[in-house]
Amino acid sequence: MSRISKEQVQHVAHLARLEITEEETELFTSQLDAIISFAEELNELDTSNVTPTSHVLEMKNVMREDASGKGLPREEVLKNAPDHQNGLIRVPQILE
């Protein structure tokens, strides 16, 4: 017995804006049915002693504390700017 119908495959293809032929519909129906069957096999595994995880690798936040500090003096920053005027960095105009 198929766990997914041709109509469901066609509906999903329509939602994804895909045009599929009748042959592709039949192929995708059988392929998706095999995937669902495999997923059902996984549901039969005993996972009661498995700790839930959100990621397979241990992840931790390695970002530093967000703290304000004294910035560079304006004159030193402007030394690196190719063009500046009145204490501001000049850039090419991109909008008319």
PDB file of N, CA and C in Angstrom:
ATOM      1  N   MET A   1       0.844  -1.189   0.000  1.00  0.00           N
ATOM      2  CA  MET A   1       0.000   0.000   0.000  1.00  0.00           C
ATOM      3  C   MET A   1       0.883   1.244   0.000  1.00  0.00           C
ATOM      4  N   SER A   2       0.587   2.175  -0.843  1.00  0.00           N
ATOM      5  CA  SER A   2       1.356   3.397  -0.965  1.00  0.00           C
ATOM      6  C   SER A   2       1.017   4.347   0.175  1.00  0.00           C
ATOM      7  N   ARG A   3       2.046   4.967   0.738  1.00  0.00           N
ATOM      8  CA  ARG A   3       1.851   5.904   1.838  1.00  0.00           C
ATOM      9  C   ARG A   3       1.620   7.324   1.331  1.00  0.00           C
ATOM     10  N   ILE A   4       1.829   7.528   0.031  1.00  0.00           N
ATOM     11  CA  ILE A   4       1.628   8.840  -0.573  1.00  0.00           C
ATOM     12  C   ILE A   4       0.939   8.639  -1.919  1.00  0.00           C
ATOM     13  N   SER A   5       0.012   9.497  -2.224  1.00  0.00           N
ATOM     14  CA  SER A   5      -0.746   9.335  -3.461  1.00  0.00           C
ATOM     15  C   SER A   5      -0.170  10.197  -4.582  1.00  0.00           C
ATOM     16  N   LYS A   6      -0.554   9.875  -5.799  1.00  0.00           N
ATOM     17  CA  LYS A   6      -0.137  10.674  -6.954  1.00  0.00           C
ATOM     18  C   LYS A   6      -0.660  12.101  -6.835  1.00  0.00           C
ATOM     19  N   GLU A   7      -1.870  12.220  -6.296  1.00  0.00           N
ATOM     20  CA  GLU A   7      -2.460  13.549  -6.130  1.00  0.00           C
ATOM     21  C   GLU A   7      -1.628  14.397  -5.165  1.00  0.00           C
ATOM     22  N   GLN A   8      -1.118  13.776  -4.103  1.00  0.00           N
ATOM     23  CA  GLN A   8      -0.289  14.508  -3.154  1.00  0.00           C
ATOM     24  C   GLN A   8       1.025  14.956  -3.807  1.00  0.00           C
ATOM     25  N   VAL A   9       1.619  14.086  -4.616  1.00  0.00           N
ATOM     26  CA  VAL A   9       2.849  14.439  -5.325  1.00  0.00           C
ATOM     27  C   VAL A   9       2.576  15.588  -6.290  1.00  0.00           C
ATOM     28  N   GLN A  10       1.479  15.526  -7.012  1.00  0.00           N
ATOM     29  CA  GLN A  10       1.139  16.595  -7.945  1.00  0.00           C
ATOM     30  C   GLN A  10       0.864  17.905  -7.204  1.00  0.00           C
ATOM     31  N   HIS A  11       0.233  17.808  -6.028  1.00  0.00           N
ATOM     32  CA  HIS A  11      -0.051  18.998  -5.230  1.00  0.00           C
ATOM     33  C   HIS A  11       1.249  19.655  -4.762  1.00  0.00           C
ATOM     34  N   VAL A  12       2.192  18.859  -4.274  1.00  0.00           N
ATOM     35  CA  VAL A  12       3.475  19.398  -3.826  1.00  0.00           C
ATOM     36  C   VAL A  12       4.232  20.008  -5.008  1.00  0.00           C
ATOM     37  N   ALA A  13       4.189  19.346  -6.163  1.00  0.00           N
ATOM     38  CA  ALA A  13       4.845  19.886  -7.355  1.00  0.00           C
ATOM     39  C   ALA A  13       4.216  21.222  -7.731  1.00  0.00           C
ATOM     40  N   HIS A  14       2.901  21.321  -7.627  1.00  0.00           N
ATOM     41  CA  HIS A  14       2.207  22.579  -7.928  1.00  0.00           C
ATOM     42  C   HIS A  14       2.639  23.676  -6.959  1.00  0.00           C
ATOM     43  N   LEU A  15       2.735  23.350  -5.671  1.00  0.00           N
ATOM     44  CA  LEU A  15       3.160  24.337  -4.679  1.00  0.00           C
ATOM     45  C   LEU A  15       4.587  24.807  -4.939  1.00  0.00           C
ATOM     46  N   ALA A  16       5.429  23.891  -5.450  1.00  0.00           N
ATOM     47  CA  ALA A  16       6.825  24.231  -5.754  1.00  0.00           C
ATOM     48  C   ALA A  16       6.964  24.844  -7.142  1.00  0.00           C
ATOM     49  N   ARG A  17       5.847  25.044  -7.819  1.00  0.00           N
ATOM     50  CA  ARG A  17       5.834  25.600  -9.174  1.00  0.00           C
ATOM     51  C   ARG A  17       6.648  24.747 -10.143  1.00  0.00           C
ATOM     52  N   LEU A  18       6.489  23.417 -10.026  1.00  0.00           N
ATOM     53  CA  LEU A  18       7.168  22.472 -10.915  1.00  0.00           C
ATOM     54  C   LEU A  18       6.151  21.822 -11.842  1.00  0.00           C
ATOM     55  N   GLU A  19       6.498  21.741 -13.091  1.00  0.00           N
ATOM     56  CA  GLU A  19       5.668  21.006 -14.036  1.00  0.00           C
ATOM     57  C   GLU A  19       6.263  19.612 -14.161  1.00  0.00           C
ATOM     58  N   ILE A  20       5.480  18.597 -13.797  1.00  0.00           N
ATOM     59  CA  ILE A  20       5.968  17.224 -13.909  1.00  0.00           C
ATOM     60  C   ILE A  20       5.013  16.415 -14.766  1.00  0.00           C
ATOM     61  N   THR A  21       5.576  15.470 -15.492  1.00  0.00           N
ATOM     62  CA  THR A  21       4.770  14.619 -16.367  1.00  0.00           C
ATOM     63  C   THR A  21       4.131  13.504 -15.560  1.00  0.00           C
ATOM     64  N   GLU A  22       3.266  12.756 -16.205  1.00  0.00           N
ATOM     65  CA  GLU A  22       2.621  11.626 -15.537  1.00  0.00           C
ATOM     66  C   GLU A  22       3.661  10.569 -15.153  1.00  0.00           C
ATOM     67  N   GLU A  23       4.658  10.363 -16.029  1.00  0.00           N
ATOM     68  CA  GLU A  23       5.704   9.386 -15.723  1.00  0.00           C
ATOM     69  C   GLU A  23       6.527   9.837 -14.517  1.00  0.00           C
ATOM     70  N   GLU A  24       6.831  11.137 -14.456  1.00  0.00           N
ATOM     71  CA  GLU A  24       7.577  11.664 -13.310  1.00  0.00           C
ATOM     72  C   GLU A  24       6.745  11.565 -12.041  1.00  0.00           C
ATOM     73  N   THR A  25       5.448  11.785 -12.156  1.00  0.00           N
ATOM     74  CA  THR A  25       4.568  11.665 -10.997  1.00  0.00           C
ATOM     75  C   THR A  25       4.634  10.255 -10.440  1.00  0.00           C
ATOM     76  N   GLU A  26       4.569   9.262 -11.300  1.00  0.00           N
ATOM     77  CA  GLU A  26       4.644   7.875 -10.847  1.00  0.00           C
ATOM     78  C   GLU A  26       6.006   7.562 -10.234  1.00  0.00           C
ATOM     79  N   LEU A  27       7.068   8.053 -10.871  1.00  0.00           N
ATOM     80  CA  LEU A  27       8.416   7.821 -10.355  1.00  0.00           C
ATOM     81  C   LEU A  27       8.582   8.466  -8.985  1.00  0.00           C
ATOM     82  N   PHE A  28       8.177   9.732  -8.857  1.00  0.00           N
ATOM     83  CA  PHE A  28       8.330  10.439  -7.586  1.00  0.00           C
ATOM     84  C   PHE A  28       7.450   9.822  -6.499  1.00  0.00           C
ATOM     85  N   THR A  29       6.278   9.327  -6.876  1.00  0.00           N
ATOM     86  CA  THR A  29       5.406   8.680  -5.900  1.00  0.00           C
ATOM     87  C   THR A  29       6.087   7.452  -5.319  1.00  0.00           C
ATOM     88  N   SER A  30       6.685   6.634  -6.170  1.00  0.00           N
ATOM     89  CA  SER A  30       7.352   5.429  -5.660  1.00  0.00           C
ATOM     90  C   SER A  30       8.599   5.792  -4.856  1.00  0.00           C
ATOM     91  N   GLN A  31       9.347   6.799  -5.287  1.00  0.00           N
ATOM     92  CA  GLN A  31      10.547   7.206  -4.556  1.00  0.00           C
ATOM     93  C   GLN A  31      10.195   7.789  -3.188  1.00  0.00           C
ATOM     94  N   LEU A  32       9.174   8.639  -3.144  1.00  0.00           N
ATOM     95  CA  LEU A  32       8.765   9.218  -1.867  1.00  0.00           C
ATOM     96  C   LEU A  32       8.184   8.157  -0.944  1.00  0.00           C
ATOM     97  N   ASP A  33       7.501   7.183  -1.509  1.00  0.00           N
ATOM     98  CA  ASP A  33       6.977   6.083  -0.707  1.00  0.00           C
ATOM     99  C   ASP A  33       8.120   5.297  -0.069  1.00  0.00           C
ATOM    100  N   ALA A  34       9.209   5.093  -0.819  1.00  0.00           N
ATOM    101  CA  ALA A  34      10.373   4.387  -0.270  1.00  0.00           C
ATOM    102  C   ALA A  34      11.025   5.197   0.850  1.00  0.00           C
ATOM    103  N   ILE A  35      11.081   6.505   0.692  1.00  0.00           N
ATOM    104  CA  ILE A  35      11.652   7.363   1.732  1.00  0.00           C
ATOM    105  C   ILE A  35      10.799   7.310   2.994  1.00  0.00           C
ATOM    106  N   ILE A  36       9.489   7.378   2.835  1.00  0.00           N
ATOM    107  CA  ILE A  36       8.584   7.313   3.982  1.00  0.00           C
ATOM    108  C   ILE A  36       8.707   5.959   4.667  1.00  0.00           C
ATOM    109  N   SER A  37       8.839   4.899   3.887  1.00  0.00           N
ATOM    110  CA  SER A  37       9.008   3.560   4.448  1.00  0.00           C
ATOM    111  C   SER A  37      10.279   3.486   5.283  1.00  0.00           C
ATOM    112  N   PHE A  38      11.369   4.066   4.776  1.00  0.00           N
ATOM    113  CA  PHE A  38      12.623   4.073   5.529  1.00  0.00           C
ATOM    114  C   PHE A  38      12.472   4.862   6.830  1.00  0.00           C
ATOM    115  N   ALA A  39      11.797   5.999   6.780  1.00  0.00           N
ATOM    116  CA  ALA A  39      11.589   6.807   7.975  1.00  0.00           C
ATOM    117  C   ALA A  39      10.765   6.039   9.001  1.00  0.00           C
ATOM    118  N   GLU A  40       9.790   5.256   8.549  1.00  0.00           N
ATOM    119  CA  GLU A  40       8.990   4.449   9.464  1.00  0.00           C
ATOM    120  C   GLU A  40       9.837   3.371  10.122  1.00  0.00           C
ATOM    121  N   GLU A  41      10.819   2.831   9.390  1.00  0.00           N
ATOM    122  CA  GLU A  41      11.735   1.857   9.988  1.00  0.00           C
ATOM    123  C   GLU A  41      12.546   2.503  11.098  1.00  0.00           C
ATOM    124  N   LEU A  42      12.974   3.745  10.890  1.00  0.00           N
ATOM    125  CA  LEU A  42      13.733   4.442  11.918  1.00  0.00           C
ATOM    126  C   LEU A  42      12.892   4.675  13.169  1.00  0.00           C
ATOM    127  N   ASN A  43      11.589   4.863  13.010  1.00  0.00           N
ATOM    128  CA  ASN A  43      10.706   5.059  14.154  1.00  0.00           C
ATOM    129  C   ASN A  43      10.619   3.828  15.033  1.00  0.00           C
ATOM    130  N   GLU A  44      10.971   2.663  14.493  1.00  0.00           N
ATOM    131  CA  GLU A  44      10.911   1.423  15.271  1.00  0.00           C
ATOM    132  C   GLU A  44      12.105   1.264  16.206  1.00  0.00           C
ATOM    133  N   LEU A  45      13.154   2.083  16.038  1.00  0.00           N
ATOM    134  CA  LEU A  45      14.334   1.992  16.890  1.00  0.00           C
ATOM    135  C   LEU A  45      14.025   2.492  18.287  1.00  0.00           C
ATOM    136  N   ASP A  46      14.633   1.838  19.280  1.00  0.00           N
ATOM    137  CA  ASP A  46      14.464   2.256  20.671  1.00  0.00           C
ATOM    138  C   ASP A  46      15.443   3.385  20.958  1.00  0.00           C
ATOM    139  N   THR A  47      14.936   4.569  21.138  1.00  0.00           N
ATOM    140  CA  THR A  47      15.774   5.731  21.408  1.00  0.00           C
ATOM    141  C   THR A  47      15.537   6.281  22.813  1.00  0.00           C
ATOM    142  N   SER A  48      15.006   5.453  23.696  1.00  0.00           N
ATOM    143  CA  SER A  48      14.677   5.931  25.041  1.00  0.00           C
ATOM    144  C   SER A  48      15.920   6.313  25.842  1.00  0.00           C
ATOM    145  N   ASN A  49      17.065   5.711  25.552  1.00  0.00           N
ATOM    146  CA  ASN A  49      18.296   6.032  26.285  1.00  0.00           C
ATOM    147  C   ASN A  49      19.192   7.013  25.531  1.00  0.00           C
ATOM    148  N   VAL A  50      18.690   7.620  24.483  1.00  0.00           N
ATOM    149  CA  VAL A  50      19.472   8.570  23.701  1.00  0.00           C
ATOM    150  C   VAL A  50      19.120   9.983  24.147  1.00  0.00           C
ATOM    151  N   THR A  51      20.147  10.743  24.482  1.00  0.00           N
ATOM    152  CA  THR A  51      19.932  12.121  24.923  1.00  0.00           C
ATOM    153  C   THR A  51      19.588  12.990  23.724  1.00  0.00           C
ATOM    154  N   PRO A  52      18.519  13.777  23.815  1.00  0.00           N
ATOM    155  CA  PRO A  52      18.168  14.665  22.702  1.00  0.00           C
ATOM    156  C   PRO A  52      19.263  15.690  22.451  1.00  0.00           C
ATOM    157  N   THR A  53      19.514  15.971  21.175  1.00  0.00           N
ATOM    158  CA  THR A  53      20.512  16.968  20.802  1.00  0.00           C
ATOM    159  C   THR A  53      19.938  17.857  19.702  1.00  0.00           C
ATOM    160  N   SER A  54      20.480  19.048  19.621  1.00  0.00           N
ATOM    161  CA  SER A  54      20.085  19.937  18.528  1.00  0.00           C
ATOM    162  C   SER A  54      21.130  19.932  17.430  1.00  0.00           C
ATOM    163  N   HIS A  55      22.309  19.375  17.730  1.00  0.00           N
ATOM    164  CA  HIS A  55      23.390  19.343  16.761  1.00  0.00           C
ATOM    165  C   HIS A  55      24.270  18.133  17.078  1.00  0.00           C
ATOM    166  N   VAL A  56      24.824  17.501  16.054  1.00  0.00           N
ATOM    167  CA  VAL A  56      25.628  16.302  16.287  1.00  0.00           C
ATOM    168  C   VAL A  56      26.976  16.617  16.918  1.00  0.00           C
ATOM    169  N   LEU A  57      27.457  17.832  16.760  1.00  0.00           N
ATOM    170  CA  LEU A  57      28.716  18.240  17.365  1.00  0.00           C
ATOM    171  C   LEU A  57      28.439  19.154  18.543  1.00  0.00           C
ATOM    172  N   GLU A  58      29.295  19.070  19.567  1.00  0.00           N
ATOM    173  CA  GLU A  58      29.115  19.954  20.707  1.00  0.00           C
ATOM    174  C   GLU A  58      29.436  21.381  20.277  1.00  0.00           C
ATOM    175  N   MET A  59      28.502  22.254  20.461  1.00  0.00           N
ATOM    176  CA  MET A  59      28.676  23.643  20.044  1.00  0.00           C
ATOM    177  C   MET A  59      28.624  24.527  21.286  1.00  0.00           C
ATOM    178  N   LYS A  60      29.452  25.573  21.280  1.00  0.00           N
ATOM    179  CA  LYS A  60      29.372  26.553  22.359  1.00  0.00           C
ATOM    180  C   LYS A  60      29.618  27.933  21.784  1.00  0.00           C
ATOM    181  N   ASN A  61      29.106  28.916  22.448  1.00  0.00           N
ATOM    182  CA  ASN A  61      29.248  30.293  22.003  1.00  0.00           C
ATOM    183  C   ASN A  61      30.666  30.767  22.328  1.00  0.00           C
ATOM    184  N   VAL A  62      31.400  31.167  21.309  1.00  0.00           N
ATOM    185  CA  VAL A  62      32.780  31.594  21.513  1.00  0.00           C
ATOM    186  C   VAL A  62      32.937  33.097  21.323  1.00  0.00           C
ATOM    187  N   MET A  63      31.846  33.819  21.381  1.00  0.00           N
ATOM    188  CA  MET A  63      31.908  35.262  21.181  1.00  0.00           C
ATOM    189  C   MET A  63      32.327  35.946  22.479  1.00  0.00           C
ATOM    190  N   ARG A  64      33.044  37.045  22.335  1.00  0.00           N
ATOM    191  CA  ARG A  64      33.490  37.787  23.500  1.00  0.00           C
ATOM    192  C   ARG A  64      32.344  38.634  24.052  1.00  0.00           C
ATOM    193  N   GLU A  65      32.535  39.116  25.240  1.00  0.00           N
ATOM    194  CA  GLU A  65      31.571  40.016  25.866  1.00  0.00           C
ATOM    195  C   GLU A  65      31.501  41.302  25.044  1.00  0.00           C
ATOM    196  N   ASP A  66      30.307  41.794  24.823  1.00  0.00           N
ATOM    197  CA  ASP A  66      30.127  43.025  24.061  1.00  0.00           C
ATOM    198  C   ASP A  66      30.384  44.210  24.992  1.00  0.00           C
ATOM    199  N   ALA A  67      31.507  44.896  24.759  1.00  0.00           N
ATOM    200  CA  ALA A  67      31.859  46.030  25.614  1.00  0.00           C
ATOM    201  C   ALA A  67      32.318  47.181  24.736  1.00  0.00           C
ATOM    202  N   SER A  68      31.932  48.386  25.126  1.00  0.00           N
ATOM    203  CA  SER A  68      32.361  49.565  24.361  1.00  0.00           C
ATOM    204  C   SER A  68      33.771  49.947  24.779  1.00  0.00           C
ATOM    205  N   GLY A  69      34.464  50.553  23.856  1.00  0.00           N
ATOM    206  CA  GLY A  69      35.830  50.992  24.141  1.00  0.00           C
ATOM    207  C   GLY A  69      36.149  52.240  23.353  1.00  0.00           C
ATOM    208  N   LYS A  70      37.300  52.826  23.633  1.00  0.00           N
ATOM    209  CA  LYS A  70      37.710  54.044  22.954  1.00  0.00           C
ATOM    210  C   LYS A  70      38.128  53.679  21.534  1.00  0.00           C
ATOM    211  N   GLY A  71      37.623  54.413  20.547  1.00  0.00           N
ATOM    212  CA  GLY A  71      37.955  54.186  19.157  1.00  0.00           C
ATOM    213  C   GLY A  71      39.237  54.905  18.759  1.00  0.00           C
ATOM    214  N   LEU A  72      39.587  54.761  17.503  1.00  0.00           N
ATOM    215  CA  LEU A  72      40.774  55.439  16.984  1.00  0.00           C
ATOM    216  C   LEU A  72      40.513  56.933  16.847  1.00  0.00           C
ATOM    217  N   PRO A  73      41.552  57.736  16.973  1.00  0.00           N
ATOM    218  CA  PRO A  73      41.377  59.183  16.748  1.00  0.00           C
ATOM    219  C   PRO A  73      40.986  59.438  15.286  1.00  0.00           C
ATOM    220  N   ARG A  74      40.146  60.439  15.071  1.00  0.00           N
ATOM    221  CA  ARG A  74      39.631  60.739  13.737  1.00  0.00           C
ATOM    222  C   ARG A  74      40.765  61.011  12.746  1.00  0.00           C
ATOM    223  N   GLU A  75      41.796  61.724  13.169  1.00  0.00           N
ATOM    224  CA  GLU A  75      42.909  62.047  12.275  1.00  0.00           C
ATOM    225  C   GLU A  75      43.615  60.772  11.791  1.00  0.00           C
ATOM    226  N   GLU A  76      43.764  59.806  12.676  1.00  0.00           N
ATOM    227  CA  GLU A  76      44.436  58.560  12.305  1.00  0.00           C
ATOM    228  C   GLU A  76      43.592  57.753  11.310  1.00  0.00           C
ATOM    229  N   VAL A  77      42.295  57.761  11.494  1.00  0.00           N
ATOM    230  CA  VAL A  77      41.403  57.056  10.574  1.00  0.00           C
ATOM    231  C   VAL A  77      41.425  57.728   9.206  1.00  0.00           C
ATOM    232  N   LEU A  78      41.376  59.040   9.185  1.00  0.00           N
ATOM    233  CA  LEU A  78      41.345  59.774   7.922  1.00  0.00           C
ATOM    234  C   LEU A  78      42.657  59.674   7.146  1.00  0.00           C
ATOM    235  N   LYS A  79      43.770  59.340   7.833  1.00  0.00           N
ATOM    236  CA  LYS A  79      45.035  59.142   7.135  1.00  0.00           C
ATOM    237  C   LYS A  79      44.938  57.978   6.145  1.00  0.00           C
ATOM    238  N   ASN A  80      44.095  56.983   6.432  1.00  0.00           N
ATOM    239  CA  ASN A  80      43.945  55.800   5.579  1.00  0.00           C
ATOM    240  C   ASN A  80      42.892  55.982   4.490  1.00  0.00           C
ATOM    241  N   ALA A  81      42.102  57.052   4.574  1.00  0.00           N
ATOM    242  CA  ALA A  81      41.044  57.284   3.592  1.00  0.00           C
ATOM    243  C   ALA A  81      41.633  57.928   2.340  1.00  0.00           C
ATOM    244  N   PRO A  82      41.280  57.417   1.154  1.00  0.00           N
ATOM    245  CA  PRO A  82      41.810  58.011  -0.068  1.00  0.00           C
ATOM    246  C   PRO A  82      41.318  59.437  -0.294  1.00  0.00           C
ATOM    247  N   ASP A  83      40.108  59.757   0.189  1.00  0.00           N
ATOM    248  CA  ASP A  83      39.562  61.101  -0.006  1.00  0.00           C
ATOM    249  C   ASP A  83      38.703  61.448   1.205  1.00  0.00           C
ATOM    250  N   HIS A  84      38.923  62.592   1.789  1.00  0.00           N
ATOM    251  CA  HIS A  84      38.110  63.020   2.929  1.00  0.00           C
ATOM    252  C   HIS A  84      37.945  64.537   2.906  1.00  0.00           C
ATOM    253  N   GLN A  85      36.875  64.985   3.573  1.00  0.00           N
ATOM    254  CA  GLN A  85      36.566  66.414   3.617  1.00  0.00           C
ATOM    255  C   GLN A  85      35.760  66.692   4.876  1.00  0.00           C
ATOM    256  N   ASN A  86      36.110  67.720   5.602  1.00  0.00           N
ATOM    257  CA  ASN A  86      35.415  68.146   6.820  1.00  0.00           C
ATOM    258  C   ASN A  86      35.276  67.014   7.837  1.00  0.00           C
ATOM    259  N   GLY A  87      36.294  66.189   7.970  1.00  0.00           N
ATOM    260  CA  GLY A  87      36.277  65.114   8.956  1.00  0.00           C
ATOM    261  C   GLY A  87      35.467  63.893   8.550  1.00  0.00           C
ATOM    262  N   LEU A  88      35.031  63.837   7.286  1.00  0.00           N
ATOM    263  CA  LEU A  88      34.246  62.701   6.801  1.00  0.00           C
ATOM    264  C   LEU A  88      34.953  62.058   5.613  1.00  0.00           C
ATOM    265  N   ILE A  89      34.753  60.756   5.453  1.00  0.00           N
ATOM    266  CA  ILE A  89      35.336  60.039   4.321  1.00  0.00           C
ATOM    267  C   ILE A  89      34.425  60.241   3.120  1.00  0.00           C
ATOM    268  N   ARG A  90      35.009  60.684   1.986  1.00  0.00           N
ATOM    269  CA  ARG A  90      34.240  60.892   0.757  1.00  0.00           C
ATOM    270  C   ARG A  90      34.271  59.608  -0.048  1.00  0.00           C
ATOM    271  N   VAL A  91      33.117  59.239  -0.588  1.00  0.00           N
ATOM    272  CA  VAL A  91      33.004  58.047  -1.438  1.00  0.00           C
ATOM    273  C   VAL A  91      32.308  58.437  -2.731  1.00  0.00           C
ATOM    274  N   PRO A  92      32.484  57.637  -3.789  1.00  0.00           N
ATOM    275  CA  PRO A  92      31.809  57.964  -5.055  1.00  0.00           C
ATOM    276  C   PRO A  92      30.286  57.938  -4.888  1.00  0.00           C
ATOM    277  N   GLN A  93      29.619  58.832  -5.586  1.00  0.00           N
ATOM    278  CA  GLN A  93      28.160  58.893  -5.562  1.00  0.00           C
ATOM    279  C   GLN A  93      27.599  57.695  -6.317  1.00  0.00           C
ATOM    280  N   ILE A  94      26.623  56.990  -5.735  1.00  0.00           N
ATOM    281  CA  ILE A  94      26.016  55.851  -6.421  1.00  0.00           C
ATOM    282  C   ILE A  94      24.562  56.105  -6.793  1.00  0.00           C
ATOM    283  N   LEU A  95      23.942  57.104  -6.176  1.00  0.00           N
ATOM    284  CA  LEU A  95      22.558  57.456  -6.484  1.00  0.00           C
ATOM    285  C   LEU A  95      22.533  58.857  -7.071  1.00  0.00           C
ATOM    286  N   GLU A  96      21.645  59.066  -7.996  1.00  0.00           N
ATOM    287  CA  GLU A  96      21.518  60.405  -8.592  1.00  0.00           C
ATOM    288  C   GLU A  96      20.610  61.274  -7.772  1.00  0.00           C
TER     289      GLU A  96
END
